[in-house]
Amino acid sequence: MKRRRWHAAIRRAATAALLAATAHAAADTLERGNGPEPSTLDAHRCQEVACGNVLRDLYEGLVAESAEGRLVPGMAERWEVSDDGRHYRFHLREGLRWSDGTPLDAHAVVASFRRAFEPATAAPFAQALEMIEHAPAIQRGELPPERLGVHAPDARTVAFRLTRSAPLPALLTLPIAFPVRVDRARALGAEHTRPGNLVSNGAYRLVAWTPQASLTLERNPAFHDAANVRIPRVRFHVTEDASSELKRFAAGGLDITEVVPPQPLAGLRARFGEQLRIAPYLGSFWLGLNLERPPFRDNPALREALSLAIDRDILTRHVTALGEQPAYGIVPPGIDGHAPAALPWADMSQSERVALARQRYREAGYGDDRPLTVELRYNTSTPHRRLALAVAAMWRETLGVRTRLRNEEWRVFVQNRRQRAITEAFRGGWIMDVEDPRSLLANFVGDTALNWSGYRDPDFEALLAAADAAPDAAARSALLREAEARLLDAHAVIPLYYYTSKHLVAPRVGGWQANPLDRHPTRHLDLDGGAAR
């Protein structure tokens, strides 16, 4: 008995010491929920929010963003563009350094861009910069990387040649445009992203990574604006389960959550008050359908039946329930100067949609005597599970569809979705990279890595090409709207809702600003609630 009491006392003392150490560390550490484990910290291979959040602390591109989401100088102190919009020159700040203290010049930036388009890199976001001269041919292995339309006239100038006009400064805020240290990537392979190996250039540097737990970053003294980085340390926590994340926030273990789990908004506001931050977000959520294999290949009637059977008003009121809007298109509203397309039955009542769904289901060859059995795949997440259950119930009630739900860890899910080998229906959606409808629609082009449904339509791609050559913004917008309408008419995906950004932010965190792309680099935040800014 005495021995047990002695061991219990030791455990209590050890726990108290650990809690005290944690509390002490938290005084100068921002604790951020970040959703799933990042699939990579190789900036050229990042394709999701979880890695993008971390990379925006570790790196800075030629162009950066303010807390409000405005474009501001990054590595480049200024830039200019030619009258035809096809030639850019970026002038670097003097004295730029990598996180290990070595100089960072224009030649290193050019080397990084070349590496991004090498076939071996297999950068999933390469299509975002396909307008750089020779970029697609290099990625296909048809030209050497040295032919890329990016060069350094001198050590402080990076020049770009484009095949069409494009909002290049905005695109250069994407991780694929961050300067990867090419010599280390070549020498160390995948290990170049590990603590002690990763050399970056942003406000923070990587000091620890515990898989499926957290990543710890410390302020980078070599960063050109280090004097204005107010938070010494930030820890990104893996928080795949939104309900557990909320509990950790409520207990004081997190300063910021990545999401908020679905529950009544009034109750959340009553409990958390101004700590609950909900804002418009340029993104849309859909269910993808694999068009390369049965049951959805060559069966648009079946695809439309499943879309019609889903009551989006119920989903957004009672399942997501945090300000999301029902979606009947792919491109979200709110883009200046652009009116998105919508499904032709968007204005029908749900009872009218149900009747049409049953008609399309019969036309597709299914019914009570031959019900569809389909697998709906999603990554591990409380909100995604709730939504999948609701969709499966609607399909069964309206059409008699039998749905097998399959959840997967994020990396496995991403790989299966991309390969299009075993997927049938799956969780999709996209947060816009820039405020341009083309950046979202381009995800449905040919064999690009982000075309998870395998949608192929030469006329759709011709409309995108025509938009690229449009004489003015109005003509371009009209062509992009027509392209979206064609995508919707094919029912390649099932749009469900338009996103809102939703976070819990502790009172001690200052500097948080809502912005349409929901990007919040730690360098813009502080831990004094915004005092003395």
Protein backbone atom coordinates (compact mmCIF):
# COMPACT_ATOMS: atom_id res chain seq x y z
CA MET A 1 0.00 0.00 0.00
CA LYS A 2 2.79 2.41 0.93
CA ARG A 3 4.57 1.59 -2.32
CA ARG A 4 1.40 2.42 -4.32
CA ARG A 5 0.97 5.71 -2.46
CA TRP A 6 4.63 6.53 -3.11
CA HIS A 7 4.26 5.83 -6.86
CA ALA A 8 1.05 7.87 -6.98
CA ALA A 9 2.82 10.78 -5.30
CA ILE A 10 5.65 10.61 -7.83
CA ARG A 11 3.15 10.59 -10.71
CA ARG A 12 1.30 13.58 -9.25
CA ALA A 13 4.57 15.49 -8.82
CA ALA A 14 5.67 14.65 -12.36
CA THR A 15 2.30 15.71 -13.76
CA ALA A 16 2.40 18.98 -11.81
CA ALA A 17 5.92 19.68 -13.10
CA LEU A 18 4.85 18.95 -16.66
CA LEU A 19 1.81 21.21 -16.38
CA ALA A 20 3.94 23.98 -14.90
CA ALA A 21 6.47 23.66 -17.73
CA THR A 22 3.68 23.66 -20.29
CA ALA A 23 2.09 26.74 -18.77
CA HIS A 24 5.44 28.51 -18.80
CA ALA A 25 6.07 27.59 -22.41
CA ALA A 26 2.57 28.69 -23.43
CA ALA A 27 3.27 32.24 -22.27
CA ASP A 28 5.38 32.85 -25.39
CA THR A 29 3.94 30.12 -27.64
CA LEU A 30 0.95 30.39 -29.93
CA GLU A 31 -0.95 27.09 -29.86
CA ARG A 32 -2.76 26.58 -33.17
CA GLY A 33 -5.13 23.81 -34.18
CA ASN A 34 -4.35 22.83 -37.76
CA GLY A 35 -6.64 19.97 -38.78
CA PRO A 36 -5.03 16.83 -40.26
CA GLU A 37 -1.35 15.97 -40.28
CA PRO A 38 0.31 17.95 -43.11
CA SER A 39 0.94 15.63 -46.04
CA THR A 40 4.29 17.32 -46.67
CA LEU A 41 6.41 20.37 -45.87
CA ASP A 42 7.88 20.37 -49.36
CA ALA A 43 6.40 23.65 -50.59
CA HIS A 44 6.33 22.45 -54.19
CA ARG A 45 4.27 19.39 -53.26
CA CYS A 46 1.77 20.96 -50.86
CA GLN A 47 -1.85 20.76 -51.99
CA GLU A 48 -3.96 21.30 -48.87
CA VAL A 49 -4.69 23.88 -46.18
CA ALA A 50 -2.93 21.92 -43.42
CA CYS A 51 0.51 22.18 -45.03
CA GLY A 52 -0.19 25.62 -46.47
CA ASN A 53 -0.78 27.09 -42.99
CA VAL A 54 2.60 25.87 -41.77
CA LEU A 55 4.46 26.77 -44.96
CA ARG A 56 3.23 30.37 -44.82
CA ASP A 57 5.08 30.68 -41.52
CA LEU A 58 8.20 28.90 -42.76
CA TYR A 59 8.52 30.65 -46.12
CA GLU A 60 7.96 33.94 -47.87
CA GLY A 61 7.49 34.31 -51.61
CA LEU A 62 8.34 37.20 -53.86
CA VAL A 63 4.94 38.62 -52.91
CA ALA A 64 3.28 38.33 -49.49
CA GLU A 65 -0.10 39.16 -47.95
CA SER A 66 -1.12 41.55 -45.22
CA ALA A 67 -3.30 40.46 -42.29
CA GLU A 68 -6.30 41.70 -44.29
CA GLY A 69 -5.31 39.68 -47.35
CA ARG A 70 -3.89 42.52 -49.48
CA LEU A 71 -0.85 41.89 -51.66
CA VAL A 72 2.29 43.43 -50.17
CA PRO A 73 6.03 43.15 -50.90
CA GLY A 74 7.63 39.89 -49.80
CA MET A 75 11.13 38.96 -50.88
CA ALA A 76 10.62 41.51 -53.64
CA GLU A 77 10.51 45.10 -52.49
CA ARG A 78 8.85 46.14 -55.76
CA TRP A 79 7.87 44.86 -59.20
CA GLU A 80 6.67 46.05 -62.59
CA VAL A 81 4.72 44.51 -65.46
CA SER A 82 4.74 45.18 -69.21
CA ASP A 83 1.77 46.75 -70.96
CA ASP A 84 0.69 43.40 -72.43
CA GLY A 85 0.76 41.72 -69.00
CA ARG A 86 3.23 39.04 -70.13
CA HIS A 87 6.53 40.23 -68.65
CA TYR A 88 7.20 40.84 -64.96
CA ARG A 89 10.35 41.93 -63.16
CA PHE A 90 10.66 41.53 -59.37
CA HIS A 91 13.41 43.40 -57.51
CA LEU A 92 14.62 41.64 -54.35
CA ARG A 93 15.30 43.29 -51.03
CA GLU A 94 18.93 43.76 -50.19
CA GLY A 95 20.54 41.28 -47.80
CA LEU A 96 18.01 38.42 -47.96
CA ARG A 97 19.14 35.28 -46.12
CA TRP A 98 18.05 31.70 -45.62
CA SER A 99 17.23 30.57 -42.10
CA ASP A 100 20.78 29.15 -41.76
CA GLY A 101 22.19 32.63 -42.40
CA THR A 102 23.49 32.05 -45.92
CA PRO A 103 22.65 34.58 -48.67
CA LEU A 104 19.47 34.13 -50.73
CA ASP A 105 19.62 35.71 -54.18
CA ALA A 106 17.68 35.76 -57.44
CA HIS A 107 19.58 32.76 -58.82
CA ALA A 108 18.34 30.63 -55.90
CA VAL A 109 14.78 31.76 -56.60
CA VAL A 110 15.11 30.77 -60.26
CA ALA A 111 16.56 27.37 -59.30
CA SER A 112 13.56 26.78 -57.03
CA PHE A 113 11.06 27.57 -59.79
CA ARG A 114 12.86 25.19 -62.12
CA ARG A 115 12.72 22.44 -59.53
CA ALA A 116 8.97 23.07 -59.05
CA PHE A 117 8.27 22.13 -62.67
CA GLU A 118 10.63 19.16 -62.97
CA PRO A 119 8.66 15.98 -63.71
CA ALA A 120 10.18 14.24 -60.68
CA THR A 121 8.77 16.90 -58.37
CA ALA A 122 5.21 16.11 -59.51
CA ALA A 123 3.95 19.41 -58.12
CA PRO A 124 0.15 19.19 -57.84
CA PHE A 125 -0.20 22.99 -58.01
CA ALA A 126 1.91 23.37 -61.16
CA GLN A 127 -1.22 24.09 -63.18
CA ALA A 128 -1.71 27.31 -61.18
CA LEU A 129 1.40 28.69 -62.90
CA GLU A 130 0.97 27.01 -66.29
CA MET A 131 1.10 30.45 -67.97
CA ILE A 132 4.85 30.71 -67.28
CA GLU A 133 6.60 30.13 -70.61
CA HIS A 134 7.37 26.42 -71.26
CA ALA A 135 6.13 25.34 -67.78
CA PRO A 136 3.71 22.61 -69.01
CA ALA A 137 6.24 21.18 -71.49
CA ILE A 138 8.91 21.02 -68.77
CA GLN A 139 6.56 19.24 -66.38
CA ARG A 140 5.78 16.71 -69.11
CA GLY A 141 9.51 16.12 -69.63
CA GLU A 142 9.52 17.57 -73.13
CA LEU A 143 11.92 20.43 -72.35
CA PRO A 144 14.71 20.87 -69.79
CA PRO A 145 14.00 23.04 -66.71
CA GLU A 146 16.49 25.63 -67.97
CA ARG A 147 13.94 26.60 -70.65
CA LEU A 148 11.44 27.82 -68.03
CA GLY A 149 10.39 31.42 -68.54
CA VAL A 150 11.98 32.55 -65.26
CA HIS A 151 15.51 33.96 -65.18
CA ALA A 152 17.78 36.21 -63.13
CA PRO A 153 19.32 39.13 -65.06
CA ASP A 154 21.32 39.84 -61.90
CA ALA A 155 21.49 38.72 -58.27
CA ARG A 156 18.60 40.92 -57.20
CA THR A 157 16.18 40.64 -60.13
CA VAL A 158 13.80 37.81 -61.08
CA ALA A 159 12.12 38.10 -64.48
CA PHE A 160 9.10 36.13 -65.75
CA ARG A 161 7.88 35.52 -69.31
CA LEU A 162 4.23 34.48 -69.56
CA THR A 163 2.26 33.00 -72.45
CA ARG A 164 -0.80 35.09 -71.49
CA SER A 165 -1.66 37.87 -69.11
CA ALA A 166 -2.37 36.62 -65.58
CA PRO A 167 -2.52 37.94 -61.98
CA LEU A 168 1.02 36.71 -61.34
CA PRO A 169 1.67 38.63 -58.07
CA ALA A 170 -1.36 36.98 -56.45
CA LEU A 171 -0.30 33.54 -57.71
CA LEU A 172 3.17 34.03 -56.23
CA THR A 173 1.65 33.87 -52.73
CA LEU A 174 1.02 30.13 -53.26
CA PRO A 175 3.40 27.58 -51.68
CA ILE A 176 4.58 26.33 -55.07
CA ALA A 177 6.17 29.77 -55.55
CA PHE A 178 8.07 29.67 -52.25
CA PRO A 179 11.88 29.35 -52.54
CA VAL A 180 12.84 25.77 -51.72
CA ARG A 181 16.53 25.28 -50.93
CA VAL A 182 17.29 23.13 -53.96
CA ASP A 183 20.77 21.91 -52.95
CA ARG A 184 19.39 20.43 -49.72
CA ALA A 185 16.35 18.94 -51.43
CA ARG A 186 18.63 17.16 -53.89
CA ALA A 187 21.10 15.99 -51.25
CA LEU A 188 18.57 14.84 -48.64
CA GLY A 189 15.50 13.90 -50.69
CA ALA A 190 12.31 13.73 -48.63
CA GLU A 191 14.38 14.19 -45.46
CA HIS A 192 15.06 17.82 -46.37
CA THR A 193 11.73 18.75 -44.75
CA ARG A 194 12.63 17.34 -41.32
CA PRO A 195 13.66 19.44 -38.29
CA GLY A 196 17.35 20.22 -38.47
CA ASN A 197 17.33 19.74 -42.25
CA LEU A 198 14.70 22.19 -43.45
CA VAL A 199 16.21 25.52 -44.48
CA SER A 200 13.53 28.13 -45.22
CA ASN A 201 13.32 31.90 -45.54
CA GLY A 202 10.17 32.98 -43.69
CA ALA A 203 9.34 34.48 -40.32
CA TYR A 204 9.80 31.11 -38.57
CA ARG A 205 11.97 28.00 -38.80
CA LEU A 206 11.06 24.39 -38.04
CA VAL A 207 12.48 23.02 -34.78
CA ALA A 208 10.32 19.95 -34.03
CA TRP A 209 7.81 17.66 -35.72
CA THR A 210 6.09 14.91 -33.78
CA PRO A 211 4.05 12.90 -36.32
CA GLN A 212 0.30 12.92 -35.74
CA ALA A 213 0.78 15.33 -32.83
CA SER A 214 2.36 18.74 -33.54
CA LEU A 215 4.93 20.84 -35.38
CA THR A 216 6.90 23.51 -33.52
CA LEU A 217 8.33 26.62 -35.16
CA GLU A 218 10.56 29.32 -33.68
CA ARG A 219 11.12 32.89 -34.83
CA ASN A 220 13.74 33.05 -37.59
CA PRO A 221 16.38 35.67 -36.68
CA ALA A 222 17.58 35.73 -40.32
CA PHE A 223 14.17 36.89 -41.60
CA HIS A 224 14.34 40.38 -43.08
CA ASP A 225 11.49 41.64 -40.84
CA ALA A 226 12.31 39.59 -37.73
CA ALA A 227 12.16 42.69 -35.50
CA ASN A 228 8.42 42.94 -36.17
CA VAL A 229 7.60 39.26 -35.58
CA ARG A 230 6.01 39.45 -32.14
CA ILE A 231 5.41 35.78 -31.26
CA PRO A 232 8.60 33.82 -30.44
CA ARG A 233 7.19 30.33 -30.99
CA VAL A 234 4.18 28.69 -32.63
CA ARG A 235 3.02 25.10 -32.30
CA PHE A 236 0.68 23.65 -34.94
CA HIS A 237 -1.37 20.81 -33.43
CA VAL A 238 -2.86 17.95 -35.44
CA THR A 239 -6.59 18.26 -34.70
CA GLU A 240 -8.49 15.98 -37.06
CA ASP A 241 -11.45 15.67 -34.69
CA ALA A 242 -13.22 19.03 -34.50
CA SER A 243 -15.08 18.21 -31.28
CA SER A 244 -11.85 17.31 -29.50
CA GLU A 245 -10.26 20.48 -30.86
CA LEU A 246 -13.06 22.57 -29.37
CA LYS A 247 -12.62 20.87 -25.98
CA ARG A 248 -8.89 21.62 -26.05
CA PHE A 249 -9.63 25.26 -26.82
CA ALA A 250 -12.19 25.49 -24.01
CA ALA A 251 -9.65 23.98 -21.60
CA GLY A 252 -7.02 26.55 -22.57
CA GLY A 253 -4.84 24.15 -24.55
CA LEU A 254 -5.29 25.98 -27.88
CA ASP A 255 -5.29 29.65 -28.81
CA ILE A 256 -6.81 29.16 -32.27
CA THR A 257 -8.90 26.35 -33.71
CA GLU A 258 -8.72 25.37 -37.37
CA VAL A 259 -12.49 24.77 -37.52
CA VAL A 260 -15.55 24.74 -35.28
CA PRO A 261 -17.63 21.55 -35.15
CA PRO A 262 -21.22 21.69 -36.43
CA GLN A 263 -23.63 22.67 -33.66
CA PRO A 264 -26.26 25.36 -33.06
CA LEU A 265 -24.76 28.76 -33.76
CA ALA A 266 -26.73 30.49 -30.98
CA GLY A 267 -25.25 28.14 -28.39
CA LEU A 268 -21.72 28.71 -29.66
CA ARG A 269 -22.15 32.47 -29.55
CA ALA A 270 -23.58 32.31 -26.03
CA ARG A 271 -20.66 30.17 -24.87
CA PHE A 272 -17.75 31.85 -26.66
CA GLY A 273 -18.94 35.35 -27.53
CA GLU A 274 -16.37 37.34 -29.52
CA GLN A 275 -13.96 34.41 -29.51
CA LEU A 276 -16.08 32.87 -32.28
CA ARG A 277 -14.94 34.26 -35.64
CA ILE A 278 -17.14 33.49 -38.65
CA ALA A 279 -16.56 35.24 -41.98
CA PRO A 280 -17.21 34.79 -45.73
CA TYR A 281 -14.72 32.45 -47.36
CA LEU A 282 -14.02 31.99 -51.08
CA GLY A 283 -14.46 28.26 -51.33
CA SER A 284 -17.05 25.65 -52.21
CA PHE A 285 -17.69 22.11 -50.99
CA TRP A 286 -18.86 19.35 -53.28
CA LEU A 287 -18.99 15.60 -53.61
CA GLY A 288 -16.78 14.30 -56.37
CA LEU A 289 -17.81 11.43 -58.64
CA ASN A 290 -15.27 9.19 -60.36
CA LEU A 291 -16.14 9.48 -64.05
CA GLU A 292 -13.57 6.89 -65.13
CA ARG A 293 -15.29 3.81 -63.70
CA PRO A 294 -18.80 2.51 -62.97
CA PRO A 295 -21.32 3.42 -61.76
CA PHE A 296 -20.82 7.06 -62.78
CA ARG A 297 -18.94 6.69 -66.06
CA ASP A 298 -21.21 7.46 -69.02
CA ASN A 299 -24.23 7.91 -66.75
CA PRO A 300 -25.04 11.61 -66.27
CA ALA A 301 -28.65 10.81 -65.37
CA LEU A 302 -27.49 8.89 -62.30
CA ARG A 303 -25.11 11.65 -61.33
CA GLU A 304 -27.89 14.22 -61.60
CA ALA A 305 -30.32 12.03 -59.62
CA LEU A 306 -27.93 11.89 -56.66
CA SER A 307 -27.43 15.65 -56.81
CA LEU A 308 -31.17 16.38 -56.96
CA ALA A 309 -31.88 14.10 -53.99
CA ILE A 310 -29.79 16.15 -51.56
CA ASP A 311 -31.61 18.86 -49.60
CA ARG A 312 -28.93 21.52 -49.30
CA ASP A 313 -31.08 23.74 -47.10
CA ILE A 314 -31.27 21.00 -44.46
CA LEU A 315 -27.52 20.39 -44.73
CA THR A 316 -26.60 24.04 -44.16
CA ARG A 317 -29.22 24.68 -41.46
CA HIS A 318 -28.84 21.53 -39.40
CA VAL A 319 -25.60 19.73 -40.34
CA THR A 320 -22.97 22.36 -41.12
CA ALA A 321 -25.00 25.09 -39.38
CA LEU A 322 -22.33 27.80 -39.21
CA GLY A 323 -23.39 30.29 -41.84
CA GLU A 324 -22.68 28.20 -44.94
CA GLN A 325 -24.89 28.87 -47.99
CA PRO A 326 -26.45 26.15 -50.18
CA ALA A 327 -24.45 25.72 -53.38
CA TYR A 328 -25.87 25.05 -56.83
CA GLY A 329 -22.61 25.90 -58.58
CA ILE A 330 -18.86 25.54 -58.22
CA VAL A 331 -17.58 29.12 -58.18
CA PRO A 332 -18.61 30.88 -54.95
CA PRO A 333 -20.33 34.27 -54.96
CA GLY A 334 -18.45 37.37 -53.86
CA ILE A 335 -15.82 37.66 -56.61
CA ASP A 336 -15.83 41.24 -57.82
CA GLY A 337 -17.18 41.61 -61.34
CA HIS A 338 -18.19 37.96 -61.79
CA ALA A 339 -21.62 36.29 -61.71
CA PRO A 340 -21.24 32.49 -61.22
CA ALA A 341 -23.35 29.91 -63.04
CA ALA A 342 -25.90 27.69 -61.31
CA LEU A 343 -27.68 24.39 -61.89
CA PRO A 344 -30.89 24.88 -63.92
CA TRP A 345 -33.10 23.56 -61.10
CA ALA A 346 -31.59 25.78 -58.40
CA ASP A 347 -34.87 27.69 -58.02
CA MET A 348 -37.09 24.61 -57.76
CA SER A 349 -38.64 23.53 -54.47
CA GLN A 350 -37.09 20.46 -52.88
CA SER A 351 -40.25 18.44 -53.54
CA GLU A 352 -39.93 19.25 -57.25
CA ARG A 353 -36.26 18.22 -57.15
CA VAL A 354 -37.18 14.92 -55.47
CA ALA A 355 -39.67 14.12 -58.23
CA LEU A 356 -37.07 14.92 -60.88
CA ALA A 357 -34.44 12.88 -58.98
CA ARG A 358 -36.64 9.78 -59.08
CA GLN A 359 -37.24 10.27 -62.79
CA ARG A 360 -33.52 10.58 -63.53
CA TYR A 361 -32.80 7.55 -61.30
CA ARG A 362 -35.18 5.43 -63.38
CA GLU A 363 -33.67 6.78 -66.61
CA ALA A 364 -30.26 5.69 -65.32
CA GLY A 365 -31.48 2.12 -64.97
CA TYR A 366 -32.06 1.96 -61.23
CA GLY A 367 -35.13 1.53 -59.02
CA ASP A 368 -36.61 -0.46 -56.14
CA ASP A 369 -35.85 -3.72 -57.94
CA ARG A 370 -32.30 -2.61 -58.75
CA PRO A 371 -31.02 -0.16 -56.10
CA LEU A 372 -27.68 1.55 -56.49
CA THR A 373 -24.93 0.57 -54.06
CA VAL A 374 -22.23 3.23 -53.81
CA GLU A 375 -19.21 3.97 -51.64
CA LEU A 376 -18.86 7.49 -50.24
CA ARG A 377 -15.28 8.19 -49.14
CA TYR A 378 -14.14 11.03 -46.87
CA ASN A 379 -11.15 11.94 -44.72
CA THR A 380 -11.36 11.44 -40.96
CA SER A 381 -13.19 14.44 -39.53
CA THR A 382 -16.28 14.96 -37.39
CA PRO A 383 -17.91 17.47 -39.79
CA HIS A 384 -17.24 15.27 -42.83
CA ARG A 385 -18.67 12.22 -41.06
CA ARG A 386 -21.84 14.08 -40.08
CA LEU A 387 -22.31 15.35 -43.61
CA ALA A 388 -21.68 11.91 -45.15
CA LEU A 389 -24.27 10.35 -42.83
CA ALA A 390 -26.82 13.02 -43.76
CA VAL A 391 -26.21 12.60 -47.51
CA ALA A 392 -26.45 8.81 -47.26
CA ALA A 393 -29.78 9.15 -45.41
CA MET A 394 -31.16 11.50 -48.09
CA TRP A 395 -30.09 9.18 -50.90
CA ARG A 396 -31.73 6.21 -49.20
CA GLU A 397 -34.96 8.00 -48.33
CA THR A 398 -35.42 9.58 -51.76
CA LEU A 399 -34.03 6.93 -54.09
CA GLY A 400 -33.37 3.77 -52.08
CA VAL A 401 -29.60 4.06 -52.61
CA ARG A 402 -27.43 1.91 -50.36
CA THR A 403 -24.32 3.84 -49.29
CA ARG A 404 -21.17 2.43 -47.75
CA LEU A 405 -19.32 5.11 -45.81
CA ARG A 406 -15.53 4.87 -45.74
CA ASN A 407 -13.34 7.26 -43.79
CA GLU A 408 -9.56 7.40 -44.25
CA GLU A 409 -6.60 9.18 -42.71
CA TRP A 410 -5.85 12.33 -44.70
CA ARG A 411 -2.77 11.15 -46.61
CA VAL A 412 -4.42 7.88 -47.63
CA PHE A 413 -7.58 9.69 -48.66
CA VAL A 414 -5.65 12.24 -50.77
CA GLN A 415 -3.72 9.49 -52.53
CA ASN A 416 -6.82 7.42 -53.31
CA ARG A 417 -8.75 10.45 -54.49
CA ARG A 418 -5.96 11.50 -56.81
CA GLN A 419 -5.40 8.06 -58.33
CA ARG A 420 -9.08 7.57 -59.29
CA ALA A 421 -8.61 3.79 -59.07
CA ILE A 422 -10.94 2.76 -56.23
CA THR A 423 -12.98 5.89 -55.53
CA GLU A 424 -16.66 6.15 -56.44
CA ALA A 425 -18.18 9.16 -54.63
CA PHE A 426 -15.87 11.17 -52.41
CA ARG A 427 -15.51 14.34 -50.40
CA GLY A 428 -14.33 17.19 -52.61
CA GLY A 429 -14.28 20.95 -52.48
CA TRP A 430 -11.75 23.71 -52.97
CA ILE A 431 -10.60 26.88 -51.30
CA MET A 432 -9.71 29.42 -53.96
CA ASP A 433 -6.03 30.22 -54.37
CA VAL A 434 -6.68 33.72 -55.69
CA GLU A 435 -9.89 35.70 -56.26
CA ASP A 436 -10.25 34.44 -59.81
CA PRO A 437 -12.88 31.89 -60.95
CA ARG A 438 -10.39 30.39 -63.40
CA SER A 439 -8.18 29.20 -60.54
CA LEU A 440 -11.00 26.93 -59.40
CA LEU A 441 -12.30 25.82 -62.80
CA ALA A 442 -8.78 24.84 -63.90
CA ASN A 443 -8.99 21.93 -61.44
CA PHE A 444 -11.23 20.14 -63.95
CA VAL A 445 -8.82 20.18 -66.88
CA GLY A 446 -7.55 16.94 -68.46
CA ASP A 447 -4.92 14.93 -66.60
CA THR A 448 -4.05 17.60 -64.06
CA ALA A 449 -3.34 16.27 -60.58
CA LEU A 450 -6.32 18.06 -59.05
CA ASN A 451 -8.92 16.73 -61.51
CA TRP A 452 -10.04 14.09 -59.03
CA SER A 453 -13.22 13.21 -60.95
CA GLY A 454 -11.41 12.63 -64.23
CA TYR A 455 -13.69 15.10 -66.06
CA ARG A 456 -12.65 15.56 -69.68
CA ASP A 457 -14.34 17.95 -72.08
CA PRO A 458 -12.48 19.67 -74.95
CA ASP A 459 -15.22 22.31 -75.21
CA PHE A 460 -14.82 23.19 -71.52
CA GLU A 461 -11.08 23.56 -71.99
CA ALA A 462 -11.62 25.63 -75.14
CA LEU A 463 -13.76 28.05 -73.13
CA LEU A 464 -10.98 28.45 -70.57
CA ALA A 465 -8.51 29.11 -73.39
CA ALA A 466 -10.88 31.66 -74.92
CA ALA A 467 -11.19 33.36 -71.52
CA ASP A 468 -7.40 33.61 -71.38
CA ALA A 469 -7.44 35.49 -74.68
CA ALA A 470 -10.52 37.61 -73.93
CA PRO A 471 -10.17 41.31 -74.81
CA ASP A 472 -11.55 42.60 -71.50
CA ALA A 473 -12.70 41.56 -68.04
CA ALA A 474 -16.40 41.39 -68.96
CA ALA A 475 -15.79 39.04 -71.90
CA ARG A 476 -13.48 36.91 -69.77
CA SER A 477 -16.08 36.62 -67.01
CA ALA A 478 -18.79 35.61 -69.50
CA LEU A 479 -16.60 32.83 -70.94
CA LEU A 480 -15.72 31.52 -67.49
CA ARG A 481 -19.40 31.50 -66.54
CA GLU A 482 -20.14 29.50 -69.70
CA ALA A 483 -17.38 27.03 -68.83
CA GLU A 484 -18.81 26.56 -65.34
CA ALA A 485 -22.30 26.03 -66.77
CA ARG A 486 -20.91 23.28 -69.02
CA LEU A 487 -19.23 21.59 -66.03
CA LEU A 488 -22.47 21.74 -64.06
CA ASP A 489 -24.49 20.39 -66.99
CA ALA A 490 -22.26 17.30 -67.00
CA HIS A 491 -22.87 16.77 -63.25
CA ALA A 492 -19.20 15.90 -62.82
CA VAL A 493 -19.49 16.87 -59.16
CA ILE A 494 -22.33 17.51 -56.71
CA PRO A 495 -22.10 21.04 -55.25
CA LEU A 496 -23.34 21.21 -51.66
CA TYR A 497 -22.43 24.50 -49.98
CA TYR A 498 -20.23 27.57 -50.03
CA TYR A 499 -17.77 27.77 -47.18
CA THR A 500 -17.51 30.18 -44.32
CA SER A 501 -14.29 30.44 -42.32
CA LYS A 502 -14.92 29.55 -38.68
CA HIS A 503 -12.41 29.67 -35.86
CA LEU A 504 -12.25 30.14 -32.14
CA VAL A 505 -9.60 32.72 -31.24
CA ALA A 506 -8.50 33.23 -27.63
CA PRO A 507 -8.69 36.76 -26.14
CA ARG A 508 -4.91 36.92 -25.73
CA VAL A 509 -4.40 36.66 -29.52
CA GLY A 510 -4.19 40.05 -31.21
CA GLY A 511 -3.96 41.01 -34.86
CA TRP A 512 -6.51 38.50 -36.19
CA GLN A 513 -8.21 39.88 -39.31
CA ALA A 514 -10.88 38.14 -41.38
CA ASN A 515 -9.98 37.87 -45.07
CA PRO A 516 -11.62 36.14 -48.05
CA LEU A 517 -8.94 33.44 -48.37
CA ASP A 518 -8.75 32.83 -44.59
CA ARG A 519 -4.96 33.07 -44.40
CA HIS A 520 -3.50 34.10 -41.05
CA PRO A 521 0.33 33.91 -40.93
CA THR A 522 1.60 34.02 -37.35
CA ARG A 523 3.87 36.99 -38.19
CA HIS A 524 0.76 39.22 -38.20
CA LEU A 525 -0.42 38.08 -34.76
CA ASP A 526 0.63 38.77 -31.18
CA LEU A 527 -0.03 37.35 -27.72
CA ASP A 528 -1.05 40.50 -25.89
CA GLY A 529 -4.54 40.78 -27.30
CA GLY A 530 -3.46 43.50 -29.68
CA ALA A 531 -2.19 45.91 -27.02
CA ALA A 532 0.59 48.33 -27.94
CA ARG A 533 0.51 47.42 -31.61
